[in-house]
Amino acid sequence: MAVPVKVARSIQSLRGTLEWLREEGLLLETAVPVDPDLEVTGVQKQLDGSYPLLFENVKGYPHARAVTNLFANMDILDRMFGWDGATDRTRRLAHALTHPIPPVEVPPGEAPCQEEVITDDLQVNRHVVTIRHTELESERTIGSGNSVVVGPYFHGGSHIGYNRMNARWGNVCTFQSAPGAHMWQIITEHYHDERPIPLTMCFGLPPAATLIAGGGFDYVILPRGGDELGAAGAVQGFPIRIVKARTVDAWAVADCELVLEGHLFPRDKRYETAEAEAADRQGKFPFHPEWAGYMGKAYRAPTFLVTGITMRRRATKPIFYLLGVHMLDCNNIDTTVREAASFELCERLQPGIVQDVNIPFCMTDWGGCIIQVKKRLKTDDGMVRNFLVATMATSQGMRLAIVVDHDVDIYNMDEIIWCLTTRVNPRTDVLNPVPGGAGQTFIPEERLTAGDRQWTAMNTRFEGGMAIDATVPFGYEQDFQRPVYPIRQVSLEKFLSGDQIAKGKSLMRGWVEVLARTGR
């Protein structure tokens, strides 16, 4: 009788990770053909926050498979990276960001992403799975690729990040970078160069690389010239492997599934959709949802000229991680790194006060954060204000930052609202620290500041957002004493059967669950 062999946890590659998830019973799979035009995101939204989902057959792409929801569930994510819950996750990831394990080079013959090299058939949409999120969009888009820049163009460091593209002209794609992002910095620095910028767009990366790619606008902690691929290596516990590109002077992640090699032309700006081009209007027509929970808009963007495509053998069906925007999958990638960066920032300002950082889904990725502190001295009242101002000033576009005490569950929004209601002085505790600073154009309220002008970064203003000190002033803890009921002294089992207890608890929803667990 054959004995089944248990698959070891392997996160060096996406396909190795999926094998482990399958073995652990943490993967949903279907062989029913799925249409990347609306069906993928329609299925994903109905299973948001659930298990990773692997589509074995993608309509129009017989050579490919697709996975979604890879990061949708934080409990699965903790198991994937060996983290012991939310607080441990934040602290260990903060350590990884500041203690990178540098990537290692492998020769082309050892790089799975270069098992096939294509230089003649460069129709991008034929090889890369493109999706349409909603019926509001007039065209499909490529949002699952990670730009990789290693070396001089990133001041000796390594960059990895998300950039949406639309391959409107065969092997020429629009290449969108958020204002202020690392790729934006690279484009700005080399805008007037005679030569284009060489880089790769990698698809189906190791999960740790995907995670770090989601970090954005935390550039005090992850500055230009830093080692983001090294941070990914520290997350997974061993180096990310990289390989020299075949057609340009750039690097690719060796263990990814497919790579677009090419040159970025900063001054060759074209419209992301034909609809926007016909109207010659930026920031008006829907294109690709954004992290803030609103529809994105089509703009004029630099172009990326693809010079080569490399991939794993087509017989093995390369896997595309199709990232649905404004779903927990996307949110958890972005917020996990951002939480750790905010924690590390506050630790640098004054160690030992911040206990944890959370960015709930309703704060929309880069839009806000909740910081939990434990005060030790009267001067810590002032440090709380410093944390708020520093966090908002160094996280471009943050609109809401809240600091609460250590007795508040920062993962429960009922608890946060209660805290805002009962611990905030609206005259002195609500701050507007960075009016007129640099924001982002992804939130309609900010776009409206452009008035009748086009909704672009050049025409919009950032009003600074809100920073709220929802902590108890040091020394007044007794005046804010919470009732603690004797849940540790009274056992339900003394009065009710196990079935009765389960039946009773099954009706409990929301804040009462937190209060019942803590006794407050």
Protein backbone atom coordinates (compact mmCIF):
# COMPACT_ATOMS: atom_id res chain seq x y z
CA MET A 1 0.00 0.00 0.00
CA ALA A 2 1.44 3.37 -1.03
CA VAL A 3 1.96 5.85 1.77
CA PRO A 4 1.18 9.45 0.79
CA VAL A 5 4.17 11.75 1.08
CA LYS A 6 3.49 15.06 2.80
CA VAL A 7 4.63 18.09 0.81
CA ALA A 8 7.00 20.31 2.77
CA ARG A 9 6.20 24.00 3.01
CA SER A 10 8.01 25.52 0.05
CA ILE A 11 7.61 29.22 -0.65
CA GLN A 12 10.56 29.65 -3.02
CA SER A 13 8.08 29.73 -5.90
CA LEU A 14 4.39 30.33 -6.46
CA ARG A 15 3.80 26.80 -7.73
CA GLY A 16 5.64 25.31 -4.75
CA THR A 17 3.44 27.38 -2.45
CA LEU A 18 0.30 26.13 -4.20
CA GLU A 19 1.43 22.52 -3.78
CA TRP A 20 1.82 23.11 -0.05
CA LEU A 21 -1.57 24.83 0.17
CA ARG A 22 -3.14 21.87 -1.63
CA GLU A 23 -1.54 19.41 0.80
CA GLU A 24 -2.78 21.43 3.77
CA GLY A 25 -6.35 21.59 2.43
CA LEU A 26 -6.06 25.36 2.00
CA LEU A 27 -6.63 25.58 -1.77
CA LEU A 28 -9.80 25.70 -3.84
CA GLU A 29 -9.38 24.37 -7.38
CA THR A 30 -11.56 24.23 -10.46
CA ALA A 31 -11.05 22.81 -13.95
CA VAL A 32 -14.08 24.63 -15.35
CA PRO A 33 -12.89 27.18 -17.95
CA VAL A 34 -12.97 30.73 -16.59
CA ASP A 35 -13.19 33.89 -18.67
CA PRO A 36 -10.70 36.54 -17.51
CA ASP A 37 -13.18 39.11 -18.78
CA LEU A 38 -15.32 39.67 -15.63
CA GLU A 39 -15.63 36.02 -14.51
CA VAL A 40 -12.36 35.86 -12.54
CA THR A 41 -13.13 38.93 -10.44
CA GLY A 42 -16.80 37.95 -10.17
CA VAL A 43 -15.83 34.65 -8.59
CA GLN A 44 -13.15 36.23 -6.44
CA LYS A 45 -15.41 38.91 -5.00
CA GLN A 46 -17.93 36.28 -3.91
CA LEU A 47 -15.15 34.42 -2.06
CA ASP A 48 -13.32 37.50 -0.76
CA GLY A 49 -11.34 36.71 2.38
CA SER A 50 -11.54 32.98 1.77
CA TYR A 51 -9.13 30.33 0.47
CA PRO A 52 -6.71 30.78 -2.44
CA LEU A 53 -8.42 29.78 -5.68
CA LEU A 54 -6.67 28.09 -8.62
CA PHE A 55 -8.22 28.12 -12.09
CA GLU A 56 -6.72 25.28 -14.14
CA ASN A 57 -8.26 26.45 -17.43
CA VAL A 58 -8.29 30.09 -18.51
CA LYS A 59 -10.37 30.95 -21.56
CA GLY A 60 -8.18 32.21 -24.40
CA TYR A 61 -4.96 31.12 -22.68
CA PRO A 62 -4.50 27.36 -23.07
CA HIS A 63 -0.89 27.68 -21.90
CA ALA A 64 -1.76 29.32 -18.58
CA ARG A 65 -3.32 28.84 -15.17
CA ALA A 66 -4.49 31.57 -12.81
CA VAL A 67 -4.69 31.98 -9.04
CA THR A 68 -6.54 34.58 -6.97
CA ASN A 69 -7.13 35.13 -3.24
CA LEU A 70 -3.56 34.04 -2.44
CA PHE A 71 -3.31 36.70 0.29
CA ALA A 72 -7.01 37.04 1.06
CA ASN A 73 -6.99 35.29 4.43
CA MET A 74 -4.54 36.47 7.10
CA ASP A 75 -4.64 33.18 9.02
CA ILE A 76 -3.42 31.36 5.91
CA LEU A 77 -0.84 34.09 5.34
CA ASP A 78 0.47 33.65 8.89
CA ARG A 79 0.88 29.92 8.31
CA MET A 80 2.58 30.55 4.97
CA PHE A 81 5.30 32.72 6.49
CA GLY A 82 5.41 31.18 9.97
CA TRP A 83 4.02 34.19 11.84
CA ASP A 84 2.24 33.78 15.17
CA GLY A 85 -0.71 36.12 14.72
CA ALA A 86 -1.10 39.81 13.96
CA THR A 87 1.28 41.40 16.45
CA ASP A 88 4.06 38.90 15.76
CA ARG A 89 3.50 39.45 12.04
CA THR A 90 3.97 43.22 12.32
CA ARG A 91 7.11 42.97 14.44
CA ARG A 92 8.81 40.24 12.43
CA LEU A 93 8.04 41.93 9.15
CA ALA A 94 9.44 45.21 10.52
CA HIS A 95 12.63 43.32 11.36
CA ALA A 96 12.75 41.87 7.84
CA LEU A 97 12.44 45.33 6.29
CA THR A 98 15.51 46.48 8.19
CA HIS A 99 17.55 43.25 8.02
CA PRO A 100 17.47 42.21 4.34
CA ILE A 101 18.98 39.01 2.97
CA PRO A 102 20.50 40.12 -0.36
CA PRO A 103 19.33 38.34 -3.53
CA VAL A 104 21.65 35.85 -5.22
CA GLU A 105 22.38 35.56 -8.94
CA VAL A 106 21.82 32.28 -10.75
CA PRO A 107 22.91 31.46 -14.32
CA PRO A 108 20.25 31.36 -17.06
CA GLY A 109 20.33 27.57 -17.17
CA GLU A 110 19.17 27.42 -13.53
CA ALA A 111 16.41 30.03 -13.83
CA PRO A 112 12.94 28.45 -14.25
CA CYS A 113 11.60 31.73 -15.68
CA GLN A 114 13.93 31.34 -18.70
CA GLU A 115 13.08 27.80 -19.72
CA GLU A 116 11.56 29.34 -22.86
CA VAL A 117 12.81 32.54 -24.50
CA ILE A 118 10.65 34.35 -27.07
CA THR A 119 11.94 37.21 -29.21
CA ASP A 120 9.79 37.01 -32.34
CA ASP A 121 6.19 36.64 -31.12
CA LEU A 122 5.90 39.59 -28.74
CA GLN A 123 2.14 40.14 -28.76
CA VAL A 124 1.86 40.67 -25.00
CA ASN A 125 -1.86 39.97 -24.68
CA ARG A 126 -1.33 36.58 -26.30
CA HIS A 127 1.02 35.46 -23.52
CA VAL A 128 -0.06 37.44 -20.44
CA VAL A 129 -3.54 36.92 -18.96
CA THR A 130 -5.41 40.23 -19.06
CA ILE A 131 -8.55 40.83 -17.03
CA ARG A 132 -11.49 43.21 -16.80
CA HIS A 133 -12.64 43.84 -13.23
CA THR A 134 -16.01 45.47 -13.91
CA GLU A 135 -18.43 46.27 -16.71
CA LEU A 136 -17.55 49.95 -16.25
CA GLU A 137 -14.16 49.43 -17.90
CA SER A 138 -13.92 49.63 -21.68
CA GLU A 139 -10.77 47.50 -21.93
CA ARG A 140 -8.90 44.77 -20.13
CA THR A 141 -5.77 45.56 -18.18
CA ILE A 142 -2.61 43.93 -16.84
CA GLY A 143 -2.33 44.60 -13.12
CA SER A 144 -0.55 41.50 -11.90
CA GLY A 145 2.99 42.31 -13.05
CA ASN A 146 5.78 43.46 -10.74
CA SER A 147 8.40 45.88 -12.02
CA VAL A 148 11.94 44.86 -11.02
CA VAL A 149 14.85 47.32 -11.09
CA VAL A 150 18.22 46.30 -9.66
CA GLY A 151 21.42 48.34 -9.61
CA PRO A 152 22.30 51.84 -10.84
CA TYR A 153 18.79 52.89 -11.81
CA PHE A 154 17.78 52.36 -8.16
CA HIS A 155 20.98 53.81 -6.69
CA GLY A 156 22.56 50.42 -6.12
CA GLY A 157 19.56 48.83 -4.43
CA SER A 158 16.65 46.70 -5.63
CA HIS A 159 13.07 47.74 -6.31
CA ILE A 160 9.96 45.62 -6.78
CA GLY A 161 6.46 47.04 -7.15
CA TYR A 162 3.11 46.95 -8.93
CA ASN A 163 2.48 48.88 -12.13
CA ARG A 164 -0.63 48.50 -14.21
CA MET A 165 -0.27 48.19 -17.98
CA ASN A 166 -2.39 47.97 -21.09
CA ALA A 167 -0.76 46.35 -24.13
CA ARG A 168 -2.69 48.42 -26.66
CA TRP A 169 -0.09 48.17 -29.42
CA GLY A 170 1.16 44.57 -29.49
CA ASN A 171 4.50 44.79 -27.72
CA VAL A 172 4.06 48.42 -26.59
CA CYS A 173 2.21 48.90 -23.30
CA THR A 174 1.16 51.90 -21.26
CA PHE A 175 2.99 51.81 -17.91
CA GLN A 176 1.31 53.57 -15.01
CA SER A 177 3.18 54.59 -11.86
CA ALA A 178 1.54 56.28 -8.89
CA PRO A 179 2.87 59.81 -8.24
CA GLY A 180 5.67 59.65 -5.68
CA ALA A 181 6.18 55.88 -5.92
CA HIS A 182 9.62 54.35 -6.45
CA MET A 183 9.04 53.84 -10.17
CA TRP A 184 7.84 57.42 -10.36
CA GLN A 185 11.13 58.47 -8.74
CA ILE A 186 13.10 56.43 -11.27
CA ILE A 187 11.10 57.87 -14.17
CA THR A 188 11.52 61.43 -12.88
CA GLU A 189 15.27 61.09 -12.40
CA HIS A 190 15.78 59.69 -15.90
CA TYR A 191 13.01 61.59 -17.68
CA HIS A 192 15.38 63.45 -19.99
CA ASP A 193 17.87 60.64 -20.58
CA GLU A 194 18.61 59.85 -24.21
CA ARG A 195 18.36 56.14 -23.50
CA PRO A 196 15.21 54.41 -22.16
CA ILE A 197 15.10 52.67 -18.78
CA PRO A 198 15.74 48.89 -18.92
CA LEU A 199 13.61 46.78 -16.60
CA THR A 200 11.56 43.60 -16.34
CA MET A 201 7.95 42.95 -15.46
CA CYS A 202 7.67 39.66 -13.58
CA PHE A 203 4.53 37.56 -13.15
CA GLY A 204 3.74 34.72 -10.74
CA LEU A 205 6.45 35.53 -8.21
CA PRO A 206 7.38 33.87 -4.92
CA PRO A 207 4.87 35.02 -2.28
CA ALA A 208 7.45 36.98 -0.28
CA ALA A 209 8.33 39.04 -3.36
CA THR A 210 4.64 39.64 -4.04
CA LEU A 211 4.22 40.82 -0.45
CA ILE A 212 7.06 43.34 -0.54
CA ALA A 213 5.94 44.57 -3.98
CA GLY A 214 2.74 45.79 -2.31
CA GLY A 215 4.59 48.14 0.01
CA GLY A 216 4.33 51.71 -1.18
CA PHE A 217 4.96 55.25 0.06
CA ASP A 218 6.83 54.03 3.15
CA TYR A 219 10.08 55.42 1.88
CA VAL A 220 11.60 56.51 5.17
CA ILE A 221 11.76 52.80 6.03
CA LEU A 222 12.16 51.49 2.45
CA PRO A 223 14.08 54.34 0.78
CA ARG A 224 15.42 54.67 -2.74
CA GLY A 225 18.58 52.58 -2.88
CA GLY A 226 17.24 50.11 -0.33
CA ASP A 227 17.09 46.37 -0.93
CA GLU A 228 13.45 45.43 -1.40
CA LEU A 229 14.28 42.04 -2.88
CA GLY A 230 16.50 41.56 0.16
CA ALA A 231 13.54 42.37 2.40
CA ALA A 232 11.57 39.69 0.56
CA GLY A 233 14.41 37.28 1.20
CA ALA A 234 14.28 38.10 4.92
CA VAL A 235 10.52 37.48 4.93
CA GLN A 236 10.89 33.99 3.45
CA GLY A 237 14.11 33.25 5.35
CA PHE A 238 16.45 32.72 2.37
CA PRO A 239 17.58 34.80 -0.62
CA ILE A 240 15.41 35.65 -3.58
CA ARG A 241 17.10 34.32 -6.71
CA ILE A 242 17.60 36.69 -9.64
CA VAL A 243 18.82 36.18 -13.20
CA LYS A 244 20.11 38.47 -15.92
CA ALA A 245 17.50 39.32 -18.57
CA ARG A 246 18.15 38.01 -22.07
CA THR A 247 17.37 41.09 -24.18
CA VAL A 248 17.98 44.10 -21.90
CA ASP A 249 20.48 45.10 -19.21
CA ALA A 250 18.18 44.28 -16.33
CA TRP A 251 17.34 41.54 -13.82
CA ALA A 252 14.37 39.23 -13.30
CA VAL A 253 13.18 37.10 -10.38
CA ALA A 254 14.46 33.65 -11.40
CA ASP A 255 11.66 31.66 -9.75
CA CYS A 256 8.74 33.57 -11.24
CA GLU A 257 6.51 32.18 -13.99
CA LEU A 258 6.82 34.68 -16.86
CA VAL A 259 8.87 37.81 -17.57
CA LEU A 260 8.37 40.73 -19.93
CA GLU A 261 11.76 42.25 -20.70
CA GLY A 262 11.93 45.71 -22.19
CA HIS A 263 12.58 49.42 -22.10
CA LEU A 264 10.54 52.15 -20.45
CA PHE A 265 10.20 55.40 -22.39
CA PRO A 266 9.24 58.15 -19.88
CA ARG A 267 8.48 60.85 -22.47
CA ASP A 268 6.49 58.66 -24.88
CA LYS A 269 3.16 59.15 -23.12
CA ARG A 270 0.02 57.55 -24.47
CA TYR A 271 -3.54 57.11 -23.25
CA GLU A 272 -4.34 53.97 -21.28
CA THR A 273 -7.59 53.39 -23.18
CA ALA A 274 -8.91 54.19 -26.64
CA GLU A 275 -11.94 55.83 -25.01
CA ALA A 276 -9.75 58.37 -23.17
CA GLU A 277 -7.63 58.89 -26.28
CA ALA A 278 -10.63 59.67 -28.46
CA ALA A 279 -11.80 62.30 -25.97
CA ASP A 280 -8.26 63.53 -25.28
CA ARG A 281 -9.15 63.69 -21.59
CA GLN A 282 -7.29 62.41 -18.52
CA GLY A 283 -8.87 61.34 -15.23
CA LYS A 284 -12.41 61.04 -16.57
CA PHE A 285 -13.07 57.60 -18.08
CA PRO A 286 -13.20 54.46 -15.87
CA PHE A 287 -10.21 52.13 -16.02
CA HIS A 288 -9.10 49.58 -13.40
CA PRO A 289 -10.53 49.94 -9.86
CA GLU A 290 -8.30 51.55 -7.23
CA TRP A 291 -7.37 50.62 -3.67
CA ALA A 292 -9.54 53.41 -2.22
CA GLY A 293 -12.71 51.57 -3.27
CA TYR A 294 -13.57 53.77 -6.23
CA MET A 295 -13.13 53.30 -9.95
CA GLY A 296 -9.75 54.26 -11.30
CA LYS A 297 -9.44 56.57 -14.26
CA ALA A 298 -7.52 56.40 -17.53
CA TYR A 299 -4.53 58.71 -17.90
CA ARG A 300 -1.67 59.33 -20.28
CA ALA A 301 1.23 57.17 -19.16
CA PRO A 302 4.80 56.32 -20.23
CA THR A 303 5.23 53.36 -22.56
CA PHE A 304 7.01 50.06 -22.03
CA LEU A 305 8.46 48.47 -25.18
CA VAL A 306 8.72 44.69 -24.77
CA THR A 307 11.91 43.27 -26.31
CA GLY A 308 11.62 39.69 -25.08
CA ILE A 309 9.36 37.28 -23.20
CA THR A 310 10.71 34.45 -21.08
CA MET A 311 8.71 31.87 -19.18
CA ARG A 312 8.56 28.44 -17.67
CA ARG A 313 7.92 25.68 -20.19
CA ARG A 314 4.44 26.09 -21.58
CA ALA A 315 3.82 22.39 -21.03
CA THR A 316 3.87 23.12 -17.27
CA LYS A 317 1.21 25.86 -17.71
CA PRO A 318 2.71 29.01 -16.16
CA ILE A 319 0.64 30.45 -13.31
CA PHE A 320 -0.57 34.05 -13.25
CA TYR A 321 -1.47 35.61 -9.92
CA LEU A 322 -4.44 37.78 -10.95
CA LEU A 323 -4.72 40.52 -8.38
CA GLY A 324 -8.26 41.81 -7.97
CA VAL A 325 -8.12 45.38 -6.69
CA HIS A 326 -10.09 46.53 -3.63
CA MET A 327 -10.41 42.99 -2.36
CA LEU A 328 -8.75 41.54 0.73
CA ASP A 329 -6.21 39.87 -1.53
CA CYS A 330 -4.88 43.25 -2.66
CA ASN A 331 -5.53 44.95 0.67
CA ASN A 332 -3.55 42.44 2.72
CA ILE A 333 -0.51 42.72 0.46
CA ASP A 334 -0.44 46.50 0.74
CA THR A 335 -1.36 46.92 4.40
CA THR A 336 0.86 44.20 5.86
CA VAL A 337 4.05 45.93 4.75
CA ARG A 338 2.65 49.36 5.57
CA GLU A 339 1.73 48.29 9.12
CA ALA A 340 5.28 47.06 9.69
CA ALA A 341 6.77 50.23 8.23
CA SER A 342 4.61 52.42 10.49
CA PHE A 343 5.61 50.32 13.51
CA GLU A 344 9.29 50.64 12.61
CA LEU A 345 8.95 54.41 12.08
CA CYS A 346 7.47 54.93 15.55
CA GLU A 347 10.06 52.61 17.10
CA ARG A 348 12.79 54.81 15.64
CA LEU A 349 11.18 57.93 17.09
CA GLN A 350 10.87 56.42 20.59
CA PRO A 351 11.23 52.66 21.22
CA GLY A 352 8.88 50.65 23.36
CA ILE A 353 5.72 52.76 23.23
CA VAL A 354 4.00 51.37 20.14
CA GLN A 355 2.56 47.90 20.68
CA ASP A 356 1.00 47.19 17.29
CA VAL A 357 -0.33 48.77 14.09
CA ASN A 358 -3.42 47.77 12.11
CA ILE A 359 -4.85 49.00 8.83
CA PRO A 360 -8.40 47.58 8.57
CA PHE A 361 -9.93 46.97 5.16
CA CYS A 362 -12.22 50.01 5.51
CA MET A 363 -9.13 52.26 5.69
CA THR A 364 -8.37 51.22 2.12
CA ASP A 365 -4.77 50.12 1.90
CA TRP A 366 -2.82 53.40 1.98
CA GLY A 367 -5.57 55.61 3.34
CA GLY A 368 -5.01 55.29 7.08
CA CYS A 369 -3.78 53.35 10.09
CA ILE A 370 -4.54 52.60 13.72
CA ILE A 371 -1.59 52.70 16.15
CA GLN A 372 -1.76 51.05 19.56
CA VAL A 373 0.44 52.50 22.31
CA LYS A 374 1.26 51.81 25.94
CA LYS A 375 2.31 54.98 27.72
CA ARG A 376 4.99 54.88 30.42
CA LEU A 377 5.59 58.54 31.24
CA LYS A 378 3.81 61.88 31.02
CA THR A 379 6.08 62.81 28.10
CA ASP A 380 4.57 59.94 26.12
CA ASP A 381 1.47 62.12 25.64
CA GLY A 382 3.64 64.25 23.38
CA MET A 383 5.20 61.28 21.65
CA VAL A 384 1.73 60.14 20.58
CA ARG A 385 1.34 63.43 18.69
CA ASN A 386 4.79 62.95 17.16
CA PHE A 387 3.81 59.48 15.98
CA LEU A 388 0.67 60.86 14.32
CA VAL A 389 2.42 63.72 12.54
CA ALA A 390 5.40 61.59 11.44
CA THR A 391 3.19 58.79 10.15
CA MET A 392 1.02 61.09 8.09
CA ALA A 393 3.95 63.14 6.78
CA THR A 394 5.94 60.13 5.61
CA SER A 395 3.07 58.06 4.19
CA GLN A 396 2.01 59.96 1.09
CA GLY A 397 -1.73 60.29 0.80
CA MET A 398 -2.68 59.02 4.27
CA ARG A 399 -5.97 60.61 5.23
CA LEU A 400 -6.75 59.16 8.66
CA ALA A 401 -4.40 58.14 11.49
CA ILE A 402 -5.68 57.13 14.92
CA VAL A 403 -3.71 56.36 18.08
CA VAL A 404 -5.40 54.33 20.85
CA ASP A 405 -4.33 52.82 24.17
CA HIS A 406 -3.22 49.24 24.78
CA ASP A 407 -6.58 48.29 26.30
CA VAL A 408 -8.27 48.82 22.91
CA ASP A 409 -8.61 45.98 20.41
CA ILE A 410 -7.27 47.63 17.23
CA TYR A 411 -8.65 44.78 15.10
CA ASN A 412 -12.28 45.53 16.02
CA MET A 413 -13.87 48.62 14.49
CA ASP A 414 -16.65 48.74 17.08
CA GLU A 415 -13.97 49.15 19.72
CA ILE A 416 -12.32 51.91 17.67
CA ILE A 417 -15.59 53.82 17.22
CA TRP A 418 -16.30 53.52 20.97
CA CYS A 419 -12.85 54.88 21.66
CA LEU A 420 -13.33 57.82 19.28
CA THR A 421 -16.67 58.56 20.91
CA THR A 422 -15.50 58.49 24.52
CA ARG A 423 -11.81 59.48 24.53
CA VAL A 424 -11.45 62.27 21.98
CA ASN A 425 -11.67 65.98 22.69
CA PRO A 426 -12.78 67.39 19.32
CA ARG A 427 -11.07 70.73 20.05
CA THR A 428 -7.62 69.44 20.93
CA ASP A 429 -7.32 65.82 19.81
CA VAL A 430 -8.17 66.14 16.10
CA LEU A 431 -5.20 67.39 14.10
CA ASN A 432 -4.67 68.38 10.46
CA PRO A 433 -0.89 68.03 10.31
CA VAL A 434 0.09 68.32 6.63
CA PRO A 435 -2.31 70.62 4.73
CA GLY A 436 -1.02 71.38 1.27
CA GLY A 437 1.28 68.36 1.26
CA ALA A 438 1.59 65.78 -1.50
CA GLY A 439 -1.27 63.32 -1.72
CA GLN A 440 -2.59 60.84 -4.26
CA THR A 441 -5.21 61.19 -6.98
CA PHE A 442 -7.00 57.92 -6.26
CA ILE A 443 -9.65 59.37 -3.93
CA PRO A 444 -12.47 61.40 -5.54
CA GLU A 445 -12.56 63.91 -2.69
CA GLU A 446 -8.98 64.84 -3.49
CA ARG A 447 -9.63 64.87 -7.24
CA LEU A 448 -12.42 67.39 -6.74
CA THR A 449 -9.85 69.98 -5.68
CA ALA A 450 -8.87 70.20 -9.37
CA GLY A 451 -12.17 71.92 -10.11
CA ASP A 452 -12.81 72.04 -13.85
CA ARG A 453 -9.23 71.09 -14.69
CA GLN A 454 -8.22 67.52 -15.56
CA TRP A 455 -8.02 65.16 -12.58
CA THR A 456 -4.26 64.67 -12.60
CA ALA A 457 -1.59 64.85 -9.91
CA MET A 458 -0.55 68.28 -11.18
CA ASN A 459 -4.00 69.79 -10.62
CA THR A 460 -5.17 68.20 -7.36
CA ARG A 461 -4.35 69.25 -3.79
CA PHE A 462 -4.01 67.24 -0.57
CA GLU A 463 -5.82 68.72 2.40
CA GLY A 464 -3.84 66.76 4.95
CA GLY A 465 -6.35 64.32 6.36
CA MET A 466 -7.11 63.81 10.06
CA ALA A 467 -4.84 62.67 12.85
CA ILE A 468 -6.77 61.70 15.97
CA ASP A 469 -5.33 61.21 19.45
CA ALA A 470 -7.81 58.81 21.04
CA THR A 471 -5.65 57.97 24.04
CA VAL A 472 -6.25 58.61 27.73
CA PRO A 473 -4.01 61.40 29.09
CA PHE A 474 -1.23 59.89 31.20
CA GLY A 475 -2.16 59.86 34.90
CA TYR A 476 -5.92 59.82 34.31
CA GLU A 477 -6.30 56.08 33.80
CA GLN A 478 -8.55 55.68 36.84
CA ASP A 479 -10.96 58.24 35.41
CA PHE A 480 -11.28 56.09 32.28
CA GLN A 481 -11.46 52.76 34.12
CA ARG A 482 -13.36 50.10 32.18
CA PRO A 483 -15.58 47.59 33.97
CA VAL A 484 -14.14 44.08 33.98
CA TYR A 485 -16.70 41.33 34.54
CA PRO A 486 -15.72 38.06 36.26
CA ILE A 487 -15.46 35.83 33.18
CA ARG A 488 -12.35 34.13 34.57
CA GLN A 489 -14.07 33.30 37.85
CA VAL A 490 -17.35 32.02 36.39
CA SER A 491 -17.40 28.97 34.14
CA LEU A 492 -20.22 28.54 31.65
CA GLU A 493 -19.72 24.77 31.85
CA LYS A 494 -21.01 24.87 35.43
CA PHE A 495 -24.44 25.92 34.19
CA LEU A 496 -24.76 24.82 30.56
CA SER A 497 -23.82 21.90 28.35
CA GLY A 498 -21.32 22.24 25.53
CA ASP A 499 -24.11 22.24 22.95
CA GLN A 500 -26.01 24.91 24.86
CA ILE A 501 -22.91 27.10 25.07
CA ALA A 502 -22.24 26.71 21.35
CA LYS A 503 -25.89 27.50 20.58
CA GLY A 504 -25.81 30.60 22.76
CA LYS A 505 -22.54 31.92 21.31
CA SER A 506 -23.74 31.32 17.75
CA LEU A 507 -26.01 34.39 18.02
CA MET A 508 -23.26 36.72 19.26
CA ARG A 509 -22.12 39.23 16.66
CA GLY A 510 -19.84 42.24 16.59
CA TRP A 511 -18.51 44.11 19.61
CA VAL A 512 -20.15 41.80 22.14
CA GLU A 513 -17.77 39.03 21.04
CA VAL A 514 -14.76 41.18 21.92
CA LEU A 515 -16.25 42.30 25.22
CA ALA A 516 -17.22 38.73 26.16
CA ARG A 517 -13.69 37.55 25.41
CA THR A 518 -12.04 40.31 27.49
CA GLY A 519 -14.70 40.61 30.20
CA ARG A 520 -15.16 44.32 29.59
